[in-house]
């Protein structure tokens, strides 16, 4: 295993201390940044063990029927269309990293909707949305969002559950 194979948000254990945390990226010295108990630890690759993700199934009915759903205004994706969208907030909109989790997720869902609709409009045969591994809340919301489009023919989980490939 090397650090480029790890996904942001992947669950890991620091072998020397037994701490469990989430992979946050690589620092300038080539060490893994691991977030555990609200602290960041710099760890050598040899001192890391990737842990399997536990299944998490949130109550989507409760999520979808919230009374205080906030409408988020977002700009359309004004880029040369790429067939992959990375929803990690540090890649998508770094300036929003300090927003509340709910606002971040609303923004991510709006951007994925824009991305899907643009792919349909441009008649792309397939696209990929990277949602990360985390607890699966964003993944489930993306899956629900995809179910609303008749143009979606198939979806496949990719990269150990951290992304979804969509065939249109």
C-alpha atoms as a PDB file:
ATOM      1  CA  UNK A   1       0.000   0.000   0.000  1.00  0.00           C
ATOM      2  CA  UNK A   2       1.133   3.575  -0.595  1.00  0.00           C
ATOM      3  CA  UNK A   3      -0.368   6.893   0.487  1.00  0.00           C
ATOM      4  CA  UNK A   4      -1.756   7.661  -2.978  1.00  0.00           C
ATOM      5  CA  UNK A   5      -4.072   4.636  -2.606  1.00  0.00           C
ATOM      6  CA  UNK A   6      -5.772   6.070   0.499  1.00  0.00           C
ATOM      7  CA  UNK A   7      -8.982   8.064   0.154  1.00  0.00           C
ATOM      8  CA  UNK A   8      -9.747  11.178   2.136  1.00  0.00           C
ATOM      9  CA  UNK A   9     -12.010  10.077   4.982  1.00  0.00           C
ATOM     10  CA  UNK A  10     -10.810   6.476   4.974  1.00  0.00           C
ATOM     11  CA  UNK A  11     -10.805   4.852   8.427  1.00  0.00           C
ATOM     12  CA  UNK A  12      -7.313   3.914   9.677  1.00  0.00           C
ATOM     13  CA  UNK A  13      -5.564   2.786  12.852  1.00  0.00           C
ATOM     14  CA  UNK A  14      -2.188   4.109  13.987  1.00  0.00           C
ATOM     15  CA  UNK A  15      -0.370   0.872  14.868  1.00  0.00           C
ATOM     16  CA  UNK A  16       1.991   2.343  17.484  1.00  0.00           C
ATOM     17  CA  UNK A  17      -0.743   3.980  19.584  1.00  0.00           C
ATOM     18  CA  UNK A  18      -3.869   2.057  18.592  1.00  0.00           C
ATOM     19  CA  UNK A  19      -5.654   5.347  17.802  1.00  0.00           C
ATOM     20  CA  UNK A  20      -8.402   5.148  15.214  1.00  0.00           C
ATOM     21  CA  UNK A  21      -8.947   8.095  12.910  1.00  0.00           C
ATOM     22  CA  UNK A  22      -9.641   9.287   9.390  1.00  0.00           C
ATOM     23  CA  UNK A  23      -7.088   9.905   6.636  1.00  0.00           C
ATOM     24  CA  UNK A  24      -7.014  13.634   5.778  1.00  0.00           C
ATOM     25  CA  UNK A  25      -4.301  13.720   3.101  1.00  0.00           C
ATOM     26  CA  UNK A  26      -0.516  13.908   2.889  1.00  0.00           C
ATOM     27  CA  UNK A  27       1.626  16.724   4.301  1.00  0.00           C
ATOM     28  CA  UNK A  28       4.647  18.304   2.559  1.00  0.00           C
ATOM     29  CA  UNK A  29       7.022  15.789   4.175  1.00  0.00           C
ATOM     30  CA  UNK A  30       5.129  12.805   2.771  1.00  0.00           C
ATOM     31  CA  UNK A  31       3.484  11.794   6.047  1.00  0.00           C
ATOM     32  CA  UNK A  32      -0.181  10.877   6.343  1.00  0.00           C
ATOM     33  CA  UNK A  33      -2.395  13.397   8.134  1.00  0.00           C
ATOM     34  CA  UNK A  34      -4.729  11.435  10.437  1.00  0.00           C
ATOM     35  CA  UNK A  35      -7.578  13.137  12.307  1.00  0.00           C
ATOM     36  CA  UNK A  36      -8.445  11.463  15.590  1.00  0.00           C
ATOM     37  CA  UNK A  37     -10.308  13.019  18.523  1.00  0.00           C
ATOM     38  CA  UNK A  38     -10.249  16.459  16.842  1.00  0.00           C
ATOM     39  CA  UNK A  39      -6.432  16.363  16.567  1.00  0.00           C
ATOM     40  CA  UNK A  40      -4.247  15.863  13.492  1.00  0.00           C
ATOM     41  CA  UNK A  41      -1.409  13.333  13.743  1.00  0.00           C
ATOM     42  CA  UNK A  42       1.417  13.021  11.199  1.00  0.00           C
ATOM     43  CA  UNK A  43       2.130   9.334  10.644  1.00  0.00           C
ATOM     44  CA  UNK A  44       4.480   7.275   8.462  1.00  0.00           C
ATOM     45  CA  UNK A  45       2.780   4.857   6.071  1.00  0.00           C
ATOM     46  CA  UNK A  46       4.358   1.854   7.805  1.00  0.00           C
ATOM     47  CA  UNK A  47       2.566   2.852  11.023  1.00  0.00           C
ATOM     48  CA  UNK A  48      -0.921   2.791   9.426  1.00  0.00           C
ATOM     49  CA  UNK A  49      -3.496   0.067   9.022  1.00  0.00           C
ATOM     50  CA  UNK A  50      -6.611   0.584   6.885  1.00  0.00           C
ATOM     51  CA  UNK A  51      -9.762  -0.526   8.701  1.00  0.00           C
ATOM     52  CA  UNK A  52     -12.948  -1.816   7.079  1.00  0.00           C
ATOM     53  CA  UNK A  53     -15.877   0.574   7.123  1.00  0.00           C
ATOM     54  CA  UNK A  54     -18.902  -0.424   9.149  1.00  0.00           C
ATOM     55  CA  UNK A  55     -22.219  -0.239   7.366  1.00  0.00           C
ATOM     56  CA  UNK A  56     -24.345   2.745   8.303  1.00  0.00           C
ATOM     57  CA  UNK A  57     -27.908   3.214   7.119  1.00  0.00           C
ATOM     58  CA  UNK A  58     -29.389   6.555   8.181  1.00  0.00           C
ATOM     59  CA  UNK A  59     -33.128   7.076   8.195  1.00  0.00           C
ATOM     60  CA  UNK A  60     -33.507   8.762   4.782  1.00  0.00           C
ATOM     61  CA  UNK A  61     -37.214   9.499   5.381  1.00  0.00           C
ATOM     62  CA  UNK A  62     -36.254  11.584   8.397  1.00  0.00           C
ATOM     63  CA  UNK A  63     -33.526  13.326   6.408  1.00  0.00           C
ATOM     64  CA  UNK A  64     -35.769  14.074   3.423  1.00  0.00           C
ATOM     65  CA  UNK A  65     -38.712  15.342   5.494  1.00  0.00           C
ATOM     66  CA  UNK A  66     -36.838  17.971   7.491  1.00  0.00           C
ATOM     67  CA  UNK A  67     -38.908  21.088   8.096  1.00  0.00           C
ATOM     68  CA  UNK A  68     -35.938  23.417   8.012  1.00  0.00           C
ATOM     69  CA  UNK A  69     -34.470  22.591   4.631  1.00  0.00           C
ATOM     70  CA  UNK A  70     -32.336  25.522   3.551  1.00  0.00           C
ATOM     71  CA  UNK A  71     -32.265  26.452  -0.120  1.00  0.00           C
ATOM     72  CA  UNK A  72     -28.655  26.913  -1.141  1.00  0.00           C
ATOM     73  CA  UNK A  73     -27.929  29.128  -4.084  1.00  0.00           C
ATOM     74  CA  UNK A  74     -24.973  27.928  -6.045  1.00  0.00           C
ATOM     75  CA  UNK A  75     -23.292  28.796  -9.251  1.00  0.00           C
ATOM     76  CA  UNK A  76     -23.448  26.318 -12.119  1.00  0.00           C
ATOM     77  CA  UNK A  77     -20.260  24.442 -12.829  1.00  0.00           C
ATOM     78  CA  UNK A  78     -18.449  26.771 -15.217  1.00  0.00           C
ATOM     79  CA  UNK A  79     -15.578  24.521 -16.137  1.00  0.00           C
ATOM     80  CA  UNK A  80     -14.635  22.395 -19.075  1.00  0.00           C
ATOM     81  CA  UNK A  81     -16.838  19.457 -18.270  1.00  0.00           C
ATOM     82  CA  UNK A  82     -14.949  16.581 -16.710  1.00  0.00           C
ATOM     83  CA  UNK A  83     -16.582  13.191 -16.295  1.00  0.00           C
ATOM     84  CA  UNK A  84     -15.639  13.064 -12.582  1.00  0.00           C
ATOM     85  CA  UNK A  85     -16.854  15.260  -9.717  1.00  0.00           C
ATOM     86  CA  UNK A  86     -15.032  15.112  -6.368  1.00  0.00           C
ATOM     87  CA  UNK A  87     -17.417  16.190  -3.596  1.00  0.00           C
ATOM     88  CA  UNK A  88     -14.749  16.406  -0.874  1.00  0.00           C
ATOM     89  CA  UNK A  89     -15.298  19.975   0.299  1.00  0.00           C
ATOM     90  CA  UNK A  90     -11.558  20.737   0.353  1.00  0.00           C
ATOM     91  CA  UNK A  91     -11.474  19.997  -3.389  1.00  0.00           C
ATOM     92  CA  UNK A  92     -14.930  21.323  -4.322  1.00  0.00           C
ATOM     93  CA  UNK A  93     -14.987  24.625  -2.399  1.00  0.00           C
ATOM     94  CA  UNK A  94     -12.154  25.039   0.130  1.00  0.00           C
ATOM     95  CA  UNK A  95     -13.622  28.356   1.291  1.00  0.00           C
ATOM     96  CA  UNK A  96     -16.650  26.446   2.663  1.00  0.00           C
ATOM     97  CA  UNK A  97     -14.646  24.061   4.893  1.00  0.00           C
ATOM     98  CA  UNK A  98     -15.669  25.927   8.059  1.00  0.00           C
ATOM     99  CA  UNK A  99     -19.403  25.967   7.250  1.00  0.00           C
ATOM    100  CA  UNK A 100     -21.779  23.767   9.248  1.00  0.00           C
ATOM    101  CA  UNK A 101     -22.030  20.141   8.084  1.00  0.00           C
ATOM    102  CA  UNK A 102     -25.626  20.710   6.944  1.00  0.00           C
ATOM    103  CA  UNK A 103     -24.704  23.693   4.785  1.00  0.00           C
ATOM    104  CA  UNK A 104     -21.727  21.814   3.331  1.00  0.00           C
ATOM    105  CA  UNK A 105     -23.934  18.846   2.439  1.00  0.00           C
ATOM    106  CA  UNK A 106     -26.568  21.121   0.869  1.00  0.00           C
ATOM    107  CA  UNK A 107     -23.827  22.685  -1.255  1.00  0.00           C
ATOM    108  CA  UNK A 108     -22.419  19.262  -2.230  1.00  0.00           C
ATOM    109  CA  UNK A 109     -25.884  18.015  -3.246  1.00  0.00           C
ATOM    110  CA  UNK A 110     -26.567  21.158  -5.293  1.00  0.00           C
ATOM    111  CA  UNK A 111     -23.228  20.771  -7.088  1.00  0.00           C
ATOM    112  CA  UNK A 112     -23.868  17.070  -7.772  1.00  0.00           C
ATOM    113  CA  UNK A 113     -27.309  17.950  -9.172  1.00  0.00           C
ATOM    114  CA  UNK A 114     -25.732  20.580 -11.467  1.00  0.00           C
ATOM    115  CA  UNK A 115     -23.093  18.033 -12.516  1.00  0.00           C
ATOM    116  CA  UNK A 116     -25.629  15.273 -13.277  1.00  0.00           C
ATOM    117  CA  UNK A 117     -27.872  17.620 -15.257  1.00  0.00           C
ATOM    118  CA  UNK A 118     -24.912  18.961 -17.248  1.00  0.00           C
ATOM    119  CA  UNK A 119     -23.788  15.391 -18.046  1.00  0.00           C
ATOM    120  CA  UNK A 120     -27.313  14.530 -19.226  1.00  0.00           C
ATOM    121  CA  UNK A 121     -27.482  17.716 -21.316  1.00  0.00           C
ATOM    122  CA  UNK A 122     -24.083  16.984 -22.902  1.00  0.00           C
ATOM    123  CA  UNK A 123     -25.065  13.320 -23.417  1.00  0.00           C
ATOM    124  CA  UNK A 124     -22.119  11.857 -21.539  1.00  0.00           C
ATOM    125  CA  UNK A 125     -22.345   8.036 -21.522  1.00  0.00           C
ATOM    126  CA  UNK A 126     -21.040   7.743 -17.948  1.00  0.00           C
ATOM    127  CA  UNK A 127     -19.796   9.909 -15.094  1.00  0.00           C
ATOM    128  CA  UNK A 128     -18.260   9.373 -11.660  1.00  0.00           C
ATOM    129  CA  UNK A 129     -19.099  11.155  -8.420  1.00  0.00           C
ATOM    130  CA  UNK A 130     -16.589  10.837  -5.577  1.00  0.00           C
ATOM    131  CA  UNK A 131     -18.451  11.203  -2.282  1.00  0.00           C
ATOM    132  CA  UNK A 132     -15.895   9.697   0.101  1.00  0.00           C
ATOM    133  CA  UNK A 133     -16.248   6.857   2.552  1.00  0.00           C
ATOM    134  CA  UNK A 134     -17.166   8.582   5.841  1.00  0.00           C
ATOM    135  CA  UNK A 135     -20.430   7.509   7.505  1.00  0.00           C
ATOM    136  CA  UNK A 136     -22.361   7.127   4.240  1.00  0.00           C
ATOM    137  CA  UNK A 137     -24.780  10.033   4.710  1.00  0.00           C
ATOM    138  CA  UNK A 138     -23.640  11.880   1.573  1.00  0.00           C
ATOM    139  CA  UNK A 139     -23.442   8.579  -0.330  1.00  0.00           C
ATOM    140  CA  UNK A 140     -27.063   7.747   0.533  1.00  0.00           C
ATOM    141  CA  UNK A 141     -28.218  11.247  -0.366  1.00  0.00           C
ATOM    142  CA  UNK A 142     -26.432  10.983  -3.747  1.00  0.00           C
ATOM    143  CA  UNK A 143     -28.033   7.584  -4.380  1.00  0.00           C
ATOM    144  CA  UNK A 144     -31.455   9.068  -3.615  1.00  0.00           C
ATOM    145  CA  UNK A 145     -30.703  12.028  -5.886  1.00  0.00           C
ATOM    146  CA  UNK A 146     -29.717   9.680  -8.733  1.00  0.00           C
ATOM    147  CA  UNK A 147     -32.974   7.735  -8.339  1.00  0.00           C
ATOM    148  CA  UNK A 148     -34.848  10.914  -9.338  1.00  0.00           C
ATOM    149  CA  UNK A 149     -33.395  10.887 -12.880  1.00  0.00           C
ATOM    150  CA  UNK A 150     -34.962   8.633 -15.524  1.00  0.00           C
ATOM    151  CA  UNK A 151     -31.788   9.057 -17.600  1.00  0.00           C
ATOM    152  CA  UNK A 152     -29.722   7.074 -15.059  1.00  0.00           C
ATOM    153  CA  UNK A 153     -29.465   3.522 -16.389  1.00  0.00           C
ATOM    154  CA  UNK A 154     -27.028   1.894 -13.929  1.00  0.00           C
ATOM    155  CA  UNK A 155     -24.910   2.836 -10.929  1.00  0.00           C
ATOM    156  CA  UNK A 156     -21.853   0.991  -9.643  1.00  0.00           C
ATOM    157  CA  UNK A 157     -19.924   1.486  -6.427  1.00  0.00           C
ATOM    158  CA  UNK A 158     -16.237   2.238  -7.054  1.00  0.00           C
ATOM    159  CA  UNK A 159     -13.044   2.499  -5.022  1.00  0.00           C
ATOM    160  CA  UNK A 160     -14.261   0.510  -2.054  1.00  0.00           C
ATOM    161  CA  UNK A 161     -17.482   2.475  -1.717  1.00  0.00           C
ATOM    162  CA  UNK A 162     -15.958   5.966  -1.902  1.00  0.00           C
ATOM    163  CA  UNK A 163     -17.392   6.787  -5.327  1.00  0.00           C
ATOM    164  CA  UNK A 164     -20.247   5.901  -7.652  1.00  0.00           C
ATOM    165  CA  UNK A 165     -20.053   5.409 -11.407  1.00  0.00           C
ATOM    166  CA  UNK A 166     -23.231   6.405 -13.221  1.00  0.00           C
ATOM    167  CA  UNK A 167     -24.214   5.185 -16.678  1.00  0.00           C
ATOM    168  CA  UNK A 168     -26.622   7.472 -18.485  1.00  0.00           C
END
